[in-house]
């Protein structure tokens, strides 16, 4: 069947990736965004208090994130990333003062676990084999139920990795989802574990080049345009009602809804979506770091969890941060700066200019119960598809998951969807699609 115009609602990375894929193939694309800018939770902005641009969150890519890297290649932004030439992760344990570098070898077989200089201090090669318990975990098992939480390896590697990847505390996080993430990273070998980050900022890598790409390919971009409702019959969505007016859909038109889960549930009342969320706290400090400082340092035993070195800024990320979300910003700034000063060897340096960014509903909780509530990209209407990191991507709520969801929706729109577009080796997530026949906001 011929495809008419594709209307994409939401210009976060899920909507942008869908738009890029479709525009690249020559389809007519209209992209609508309620905010005056693109990017959603993945963007940069100028902070007057700090006097510089900052990211609204900290995001790390691995070389295993093939969808995200492919998206960057398509929009000509691969060169905006920087990272070490080999896989390496710097850590500091505040309780003992120990520092080390986790350095997985580049091969698929993990020979590196037999080299004490490459693995986590205080661990043996045999300790790493215990991670196989996640593969055997039941659908309702959590990470804490599946691994030895008292082990040194858990405290110094698996726990920080799990919390960062799933943004959920290990007592609630799905063991099977963590296994799927490990399968795509550690399971592929060190070549998939090289970390990369934007040289300048998230917008400069993921957002601005995508906007330029879409304009160059004839896409229509409409910002400050909020969707109030969808009008449909039993088979298809027939009209999009925006604040500025209605857009009637032709028979061949398609719609991709790439909005946050709560907004999707409002627009599609019978849609089952995740209902529990976890917070993320980010702290940004105005500080010129020496160029030889690692781009990323994992902090063990502190309040800070990951420290990112950025141009003129040191940024801290705390995942699954519900315990800190109600702490006053000034107290949080001081608390996290103590860890930063210790890890970065700044001694008693006074608290510099800072900005605390709290996201109370940053991502859905990656618990077994919530994973069952992730809907597929297809809906009950033949011309409506879903995209977003909260859909059934088989991955946590990450940039990689969001981009995969947009690419999946785009493939369904133009009929090129194949099994190869899904993540090889991932189990299907139990979910429910939309069933409403008429919806409106």
Foldseek 3Di string as FASTA:
>chain_A
DDFAEEEEEAQALLSLLLLLVQLVVPYAYAYEAQAQFHHVQQDWDQDPLLRGIDHLDFAKAWLLLVLLCVSLVSLVQNVQKDFDPFFWAWEAEPVVRDIAIQGADAQQPRPVQCPCNRHDPPDHSVLVVQLCQLVVDDLQDFQPRRHPCPDPCCQGPVQLVCCVFFLAHRRFARSNLSVLVCCSASNRTRNRRTMMGGQAGRCSRRNPSSVVSSVVSPYHYHYSKAFFEFFFFQAATAWTQIPVGIDGDDPNYFYEYEDDPVVVCQRQVQAQFFDAAAKKKKKKFQAAADPPDHQWYAYGPAQFGMWGDHHRIIMTMDGSVPVCQPPDPVVVQVRVVVVVCSVRVVPCDDGGRMDMNMDGRPFGRNGSVRLLRAAAQDASHLRYGYAALRHFQSGHRHSSSRSLRSVQNSCSSVVNDDPVSHDPPGDGGNHDHRRDRTGGD
